[in-house]
Protein backbone atom coordinates (compact mmCIF):
# COMPACT_ATOMS: atom_id res chain seq x y z
CA UNK A 1 -22.28 5.91 -13.99
CA UNK A 2 -20.45 3.02 -12.33
CA UNK A 3 -19.26 -0.37 -13.36
CA UNK A 4 -19.96 -3.42 -11.32
CA UNK A 5 -17.05 -5.55 -10.30
CA UNK A 6 -18.38 -8.47 -12.54
CA UNK A 7 -18.49 -6.15 -15.63
CA UNK A 8 -15.03 -4.99 -15.07
CA UNK A 9 -13.72 -8.57 -14.68
CA UNK A 10 -15.17 -9.54 -18.04
CA UNK A 11 -13.52 -6.50 -19.63
CA UNK A 12 -10.14 -7.41 -18.14
CA UNK A 13 -10.50 -11.10 -19.15
CA UNK A 14 -11.14 -9.93 -22.61
CA UNK A 15 -8.08 -7.75 -22.48
CA UNK A 16 -5.65 -10.76 -21.59
CA UNK A 17 -7.56 -13.00 -24.12
CA UNK A 18 -9.07 -15.26 -21.45
CA UNK A 19 -12.51 -15.69 -23.28
CA UNK A 20 -11.84 -19.33 -23.69
CA UNK A 21 -12.03 -19.86 -20.00
CA UNK A 22 -15.23 -19.92 -17.89
CA UNK A 23 -15.27 -17.06 -15.30
CA UNK A 24 -16.15 -18.16 -11.77
CA UNK A 25 -18.55 -15.99 -9.98
CA UNK A 26 -17.10 -14.16 -6.94
CA UNK A 27 -20.35 -14.42 -5.21
CA UNK A 28 -20.59 -18.22 -5.12
CA UNK A 29 -18.73 -20.01 -2.21
CA UNK A 30 -17.32 -23.52 -3.13
CA UNK A 31 -19.13 -26.38 -1.51
CA UNK A 32 -17.22 -27.68 1.53
CA UNK A 33 -16.41 -31.37 1.20
CA UNK A 34 -14.59 -33.92 3.46
CA UNK A 35 -11.68 -34.17 0.95
CA UNK A 36 -8.47 -32.92 2.45
CA UNK A 37 -6.81 -30.06 0.73
CA UNK A 38 -3.45 -31.00 -1.02
CA UNK A 39 -0.30 -29.72 0.68
CA UNK A 40 0.89 -26.40 -0.51
CA UNK A 41 3.45 -26.66 -3.33
CA UNK A 42 6.57 -24.68 -3.77
CA UNK A 43 6.27 -21.61 -6.07
CA UNK A 44 8.04 -22.00 -9.35
CA UNK A 45 11.31 -20.21 -10.18
CA UNK A 46 9.21 -17.78 -12.25
CA UNK A 47 7.41 -16.47 -9.09
CA UNK A 48 10.62 -14.79 -7.90
CA UNK A 49 11.09 -11.27 -9.14
CA UNK A 50 14.17 -10.82 -11.32
CA UNK A 51 13.72 -7.17 -12.66
CA UNK A 52 16.01 -4.21 -12.31
CA UNK A 53 14.52 -3.06 -9.06
CA UNK A 54 13.72 0.44 -10.44
CA UNK A 55 10.29 1.47 -9.54
CA UNK A 56 7.54 3.91 -10.35
CA UNK A 57 4.85 5.41 -8.23
CA UNK A 58 1.38 6.56 -8.60
CA UNK A 59 -1.16 7.95 -6.24
CA UNK A 60 -4.62 9.54 -6.25
CA UNK A 61 -6.50 11.01 -3.38
CA UNK A 62 -8.80 14.00 -2.32
CA UNK A 63 -10.89 15.77 -4.99
CA UNK A 64 -9.14 13.90 -6.60
CA UNK A 65 -5.54 14.74 -7.15
CA UNK A 66 -3.24 12.56 -9.23
CA UNK A 67 0.52 11.93 -9.38
CA UNK A 68 1.23 9.77 -12.42
CA UNK A 69 4.11 7.29 -12.95
CA UNK A 70 5.89 10.11 -15.02
CA UNK A 71 5.53 12.54 -11.96
CA UNK A 72 2.81 14.74 -13.62
CA UNK A 73 0.54 16.39 -11.13
CA UNK A 74 -3.09 16.93 -11.94
CA UNK A 75 -6.47 17.69 -10.35
CA UNK A 76 -9.15 15.93 -12.06
CA UNK A 77 -12.95 15.57 -12.49
CA UNK A 78 -13.15 11.89 -13.80
CA UNK A 79 -16.65 11.18 -12.48
CA UNK A 80 -17.75 7.54 -12.63
CA UNK A 81 -15.47 4.42 -13.06
CA UNK A 82 -11.83 4.86 -14.49
CA UNK A 83 -8.88 2.54 -14.88
CA UNK A 84 -5.91 3.52 -12.73
CA UNK A 85 -3.71 0.54 -13.60
CA UNK A 86 -4.20 -2.25 -16.12
CA UNK A 87 -1.58 -4.76 -17.12
CA UNK A 88 -1.33 -8.47 -17.55
CA UNK A 89 -1.01 -9.11 -13.79
CA UNK A 90 -3.03 -6.40 -12.15
CA UNK A 91 -5.90 -4.03 -12.65
CA UNK A 92 -6.89 -1.12 -10.32
CA UNK A 93 -10.18 0.86 -10.82
CA UNK A 94 -11.50 3.82 -9.03
CA UNK A 95 -14.97 5.18 -8.98
CA UNK A 96 -15.48 8.75 -8.22
CA UNK A 97 -18.69 10.76 -7.42
CA UNK A 98 -19.50 14.53 -6.98
CA UNK A 99 -18.30 15.98 -3.70
CA UNK A 100 -21.42 18.01 -3.79
CA UNK A 101 -24.07 19.41 -6.21
CA UNK A 102 -22.55 22.60 -7.87
CA UNK A 103 -19.00 21.88 -7.50
CA UNK A 104 -16.89 20.31 -10.34
CA UNK A 105 -14.74 18.23 -8.02
CA UNK A 106 -15.38 14.68 -7.25
CA UNK A 107 -14.05 12.17 -4.59
CA UNK A 108 -13.13 8.52 -4.63
CA UNK A 109 -15.86 6.43 -3.26
CA UNK A 110 -14.79 2.93 -4.39
CA UNK A 111 -11.43 1.24 -5.28
CA UNK A 112 -11.27 -2.18 -6.93
CA UNK A 113 -8.09 -4.32 -7.14
CA UNK A 114 -7.97 -7.29 -9.37
CA UNK A 115 -5.04 -9.64 -9.24
CA UNK A 116 -5.12 -11.68 -12.34
CA UNK A 117 -4.47 -15.37 -11.63
CA UNK A 118 -5.04 -16.55 -15.12
CA UNK A 119 -1.83 -14.94 -16.60
CA UNK A 120 0.62 -16.46 -13.93
CA UNK A 121 1.07 -19.68 -12.17
CA UNK A 122 1.91 -17.75 -8.99
CA UNK A 123 -1.50 -17.01 -7.59
CA UNK A 124 -5.23 -17.47 -8.09
CA UNK A 125 -7.40 -14.71 -9.23
CA UNK A 126 -8.11 -12.18 -6.23
CA UNK A 127 -10.46 -9.24 -5.99
CA UNK A 128 -10.19 -6.52 -3.34
CA UNK A 129 -12.96 -4.14 -3.22
CA UNK A 130 -13.16 -1.10 -0.85
CA UNK A 131 -16.20 1.13 -0.35
CA UNK A 132 -15.99 4.70 1.30
CA UNK A 133 -19.07 4.04 3.34
CA UNK A 134 -17.90 0.95 5.16
CA UNK A 135 -14.75 -0.36 6.82
CA UNK A 136 -12.01 -1.70 4.72
CA UNK A 137 -12.43 -5.43 4.06
CA UNK A 138 -10.05 -7.73 5.94
CA UNK A 139 -9.77 -10.24 3.01
CA UNK A 140 -10.18 -10.59 -0.84
CA UNK A 141 -13.67 -11.21 -1.98
CA UNK A 142 -12.87 -14.73 -3.36
CA UNK A 143 -10.38 -15.98 -0.77
CA UNK A 144 -9.36 -15.59 2.79
CA UNK A 145 -6.43 -13.60 4.01
CA UNK A 146 -4.41 -16.83 4.76
CA UNK A 147 -5.80 -18.91 1.94
CA UNK A 148 -3.71 -22.10 1.18
CA UNK A 149 -4.68 -22.10 -2.57
CA UNK A 150 -2.10 -21.64 -5.17
CA UNK A 151 1.04 -20.15 -3.44
CA UNK A 152 -0.82 -17.97 -1.09
CA UNK A 153 2.34 -16.37 0.25
CA UNK A 154 2.81 -14.67 -3.13
CA UNK A 155 0.10 -12.18 -2.40
CA UNK A 156 -0.17 -10.79 1.18
CA UNK A 157 -2.82 -8.44 2.53
CA UNK A 158 -2.57 -6.45 5.71
CA UNK A 159 -5.17 -4.15 7.04
CA UNK A 160 -4.53 -1.72 9.95
CA UNK A 161 -6.47 1.04 11.45
CA UNK A 162 -5.77 3.77 14.03
CA UNK A 163 -7.41 3.53 17.44
CA UNK A 164 -10.26 5.83 16.56
CA UNK A 165 -11.10 3.81 13.46
CA UNK A 166 -11.13 7.04 11.36
CA UNK A 167 -8.25 6.13 9.20
CA UNK A 168 -7.85 2.70 7.78
CA UNK A 169 -5.13 1.27 5.48
CA UNK A 170 -4.93 -1.82 3.44
CA UNK A 171 -1.66 -2.98 1.93
CA UNK A 172 -1.45 -5.68 -0.86
CA UNK A 173 2.06 -6.91 -1.68
CA UNK A 174 2.35 -9.04 -4.70
CA UNK A 175 5.58 -10.74 -4.28
CA UNK A 176 6.20 -12.17 -7.83
CA UNK A 177 5.93 -8.70 -9.50
CA UNK A 178 7.41 -6.81 -6.57
CA UNK A 179 4.29 -4.44 -6.47
CA UNK A 180 2.72 -2.74 -3.64
CA UNK A 181 -0.78 -1.31 -3.57
CA UNK A 182 -1.97 1.02 -0.61
CA UNK A 183 -5.65 1.47 -0.17
CA UNK A 184 -6.55 4.12 2.41
CA UNK A 185 -9.86 5.07 3.95
CA UNK A 186 -9.92 8.51 5.79
CA UNK A 187 -13.28 9.38 7.03
CA UNK A 188 -15.68 8.82 4.14
CA UNK A 189 -13.19 9.01 1.35
CA UNK A 190 -10.80 6.66 -0.35
CA UNK A 191 -7.25 6.99 -1.58
CA UNK A 192 -4.92 4.70 -3.43
CA UNK A 193 -1.12 4.50 -3.95
CA UNK A 194 0.90 2.12 -5.94
CA UNK A 195 4.63 1.16 -6.50
CA UNK A 196 5.41 -0.81 -9.53
CA UNK A 197 8.61 -2.01 -11.41
CA UNK A 198 9.43 0.00 -14.45
CA UNK A 199 9.20 -3.24 -16.54
CA UNK A 200 5.41 -3.29 -15.85
CA UNK A 201 4.88 0.51 -16.33
CA UNK A 202 6.79 1.12 -19.61
CA UNK A 203 4.67 -0.86 -22.00
CA UNK A 204 1.50 1.07 -21.01
CA UNK A 205 3.48 4.42 -21.42
CA UNK A 206 4.25 3.39 -24.95
CA UNK A 207 0.69 2.45 -25.76
CA UNK A 208 -1.10 5.37 -27.27
CA UNK A 209 -4.56 3.99 -26.84
CA UNK A 210 -4.31 3.46 -23.00
CA UNK A 211 -6.84 5.02 -20.67
CA UNK A 212 -4.98 4.27 -17.54
CA UNK A 213 -4.85 7.42 -15.31
CA UNK A 214 -1.52 6.47 -13.75
CA UNK A 215 0.01 6.43 -17.20
CA UNK A 216 -1.13 9.23 -19.27
CA UNK A 217 -3.05 11.09 -16.50
CA UNK A 218 -6.51 12.60 -16.86
CA UNK A 219 -7.90 13.59 -20.24
CA UNK A 220 -7.36 17.28 -20.73
CA UNK A 221 -11.21 17.93 -20.77
CA UNK A 222 -11.35 16.39 -17.17
CA UNK A 223 -8.54 18.52 -15.60
CA UNK A 224 -9.41 21.22 -13.19
CA UNK A 225 -7.35 24.31 -12.62
CA UNK A 226 -6.71 24.50 -8.69
CA UNK A 227 -7.04 28.29 -8.64
CA UNK A 228 -10.23 28.88 -10.72
CA UNK A 229 -11.97 25.70 -9.75
CA UNK A 230 -11.74 25.85 -6.03
CA UNK A 231 -14.53 26.48 -3.75
CA UNK A 232 -14.98 29.20 -1.13
CA UNK A 233 -16.27 27.19 1.97
CA UNK A 234 -13.38 28.83 3.75
CA UNK A 235 -10.81 31.42 3.00
CA UNK A 236 -7.26 30.52 1.94
CA UNK A 237 -5.56 31.49 5.26
CA UNK A 238 -7.79 29.36 7.44
CA UNK A 239 -7.29 26.44 5.01
CA UNK A 240 -3.62 26.84 5.06
CA UNK A 241 -3.60 26.86 8.91
CA UNK A 242 -5.64 23.53 9.04
CA UNK A 243 -3.37 21.93 6.56
CA UNK A 244 -0.39 22.69 8.58
CA UNK A 245 -1.92 21.46 11.95
CA UNK A 246 -0.78 17.89 12.62
CA UNK A 247 -2.13 17.64 16.18
CA UNK A 248 -4.97 15.27 15.22
CA UNK A 249 -3.02 13.08 12.94
CA UNK A 250 -1.84 9.61 13.73
CA UNK A 251 1.91 9.02 13.97
CA UNK A 252 2.40 7.18 10.79
CA UNK A 253 1.23 10.19 8.50
CA UNK A 254 2.62 13.19 10.52
CA UNK A 255 4.71 15.25 8.05
CA UNK A 256 5.04 18.76 7.04
CA UNK A 257 3.05 19.27 3.71
CA UNK A 258 5.13 20.57 0.87
CA UNK A 259 4.77 20.98 -3.00
CA UNK A 260 1.59 19.90 -4.53
CA UNK A 261 0.42 18.18 -1.46
CA UNK A 262 0.21 21.39 0.34
CA UNK A 263 -1.51 23.17 -2.63
CA UNK A 264 -4.03 20.31 -2.87
CA UNK A 265 -4.83 20.29 0.84
CA UNK A 266 -5.73 23.91 0.75
CA UNK A 267 -7.69 23.41 -2.55
CA UNK A 268 -9.65 20.54 -0.85
CA UNK A 269 -10.33 22.51 2.31
CA UNK A 270 -11.47 25.55 0.45
CA UNK A 271 -13.77 23.40 -1.81
CA UNK A 272 -15.20 21.02 0.84
CA UNK A 273 -14.78 22.94 3.99
CA UNK A 274 -12.43 22.45 7.03
CA UNK A 275 -12.33 18.81 7.78
CA UNK A 276 -10.08 16.17 9.21
CA UNK A 277 -10.89 13.94 6.23
CA UNK A 278 -9.06 15.95 3.58
CA UNK A 279 -6.02 17.20 5.60
CA UNK A 280 -5.51 13.63 6.83
CA UNK A 281 -5.72 12.23 3.27
CA UNK A 282 -3.24 14.85 1.94
CA UNK A 283 -0.74 13.98 4.82
CA UNK A 284 -1.15 10.18 4.21
CA UNK A 285 -0.75 10.69 0.49
CA UNK A 286 2.51 12.44 1.14
CA UNK A 287 3.56 9.75 3.54
CA UNK A 288 3.16 7.19 0.84
CA UNK A 289 5.42 9.37 -1.36
CA UNK A 290 8.08 9.81 1.15
CA UNK A 291 8.02 5.91 1.28
CA UNK A 292 7.90 5.00 -2.29
CA UNK A 293 9.27 8.02 -4.29
CA UNK A 294 10.97 10.55 -1.91
CA UNK A 295 13.22 12.00 -4.71
CA UNK A 296 10.01 13.40 -6.38
CA UNK A 297 9.40 15.95 -3.52
CA UNK A 298 11.10 19.36 -3.78
CA UNK A 299 10.24 20.44 -0.27
CA UNK A 300 8.60 23.61 -1.51
CA UNK A 301 6.71 25.23 1.37
CA UNK A 302 5.35 28.39 -0.39
CA UNK A 303 1.79 28.07 -1.64
CA UNK A 304 1.19 27.87 -5.35
CA UNK A 305 -2.64 28.31 -4.81
CA UNK A 306 -2.72 32.21 -5.02
CA UNK A 307 -5.50 34.56 -5.69
CA UNK A 308 -6.28 35.13 -9.39
CA UNK A 309 -4.79 38.28 -10.77
CA UNK A 310 -7.43 40.78 -11.77
CA UNK A 311 -6.94 41.56 -15.46
CA UNK A 312 -8.11 45.12 -16.60
CA UNK A 313 -11.01 45.12 -18.88
CA UNK A 314 -10.52 46.39 -22.60
CA UNK A 315 -11.44 49.93 -21.76
CA UNK A 316 -8.95 50.26 -18.95
CA UNK A 317 -6.22 48.46 -20.82
CA UNK A 318 -6.69 50.81 -23.82
CA UNK A 319 -6.46 53.82 -21.59
CA UNK A 320 -3.27 52.56 -20.01
CA UNK A 321 -1.81 51.94 -23.52
CA UNK A 322 -2.65 55.57 -24.51
CA UNK A 323 -1.03 56.82 -21.35
CA UNK A 324 2.15 55.01 -21.92
CA UNK A 325 2.34 56.37 -25.55
CA UNK A 326 1.89 59.87 -24.26
CA UNK A 327 4.52 59.55 -21.77
CA UNK A 328 6.94 58.04 -24.51
CA UNK A 329 6.21 60.88 -26.88
CA UNK A 330 6.73 63.63 -24.10
CA UNK A 331 10.03 62.04 -23.11
CA UNK A 332 11.05 62.06 -26.95
CA UNK A 333 10.07 65.80 -27.35
CA UNK A 334 11.98 66.87 -24.19
CA UNK A 335 15.15 65.03 -25.46
CA UNK A 336 14.93 66.89 -28.76
CA UNK A 337 14.44 70.28 -27.24
CA UNK A 338 17.37 69.98 -24.78
């Protein structure tokens, strides 16, 4: 169950009460005429960010794994289309599909970023849509990279890829709200990372009805335990060795995995099999954290993902309890005798 971009734009326009305006189809190009474009105008003063410069970070990658704005760490199922971020200026949606039949884990196969132009004089509405099965787009759907429409320099898109083309990164910087969105395509999977000012994040945190994954995390029914839900495509030791191997990684994402990013890499490798895609995704996700929110890392190098403890059945447990009672009674008798 996935939403089309057009459907989601309608939902977002309703959210900001734009029903009085006619939506323009993103699939129709304007007719080219001989009328020259007007010269670009200077952005109004409101297009400069005047906040406290305190920021929050959210990221999602892998099977998928989520770091919320409040630094909650979750592994989720969340199959289908889900809102990651939704505020008056910006909407980010991810679409996840099953990694394989029989596994509860999913992977992100589509990322849609909508920059809402109707709520600000600083930009026109722009949509960026990434698909896991094709290269990252070099421009927004409804405008070019260097469009000279309304204050084009307020929204900057840069797309880079490593020489092999196996790892691509698109970065969207929205100047007037000091927001950065990073969309990565590693192999056949997508990941997204976002840095927003506290002023944009706090209202959604206070909203009890929000469904934004970055704000409240995944619903409890959609969360997975990384020990009991992991797969067995490879054993833990081989998965750990692969996650610590940085030889194949590009220079911008080489780092020593720690904390949840180490656990998540091992989980993904055990669930999907040894693959560059998931190990590189974990390293790139941690690279974004080192850039946007380094204080959230504790540099834990021990693996949380351990083997489940074998709990004795009721019969064995009862036998152990009776044995303990006999030992206590025996010690009590010996003390009374001597």
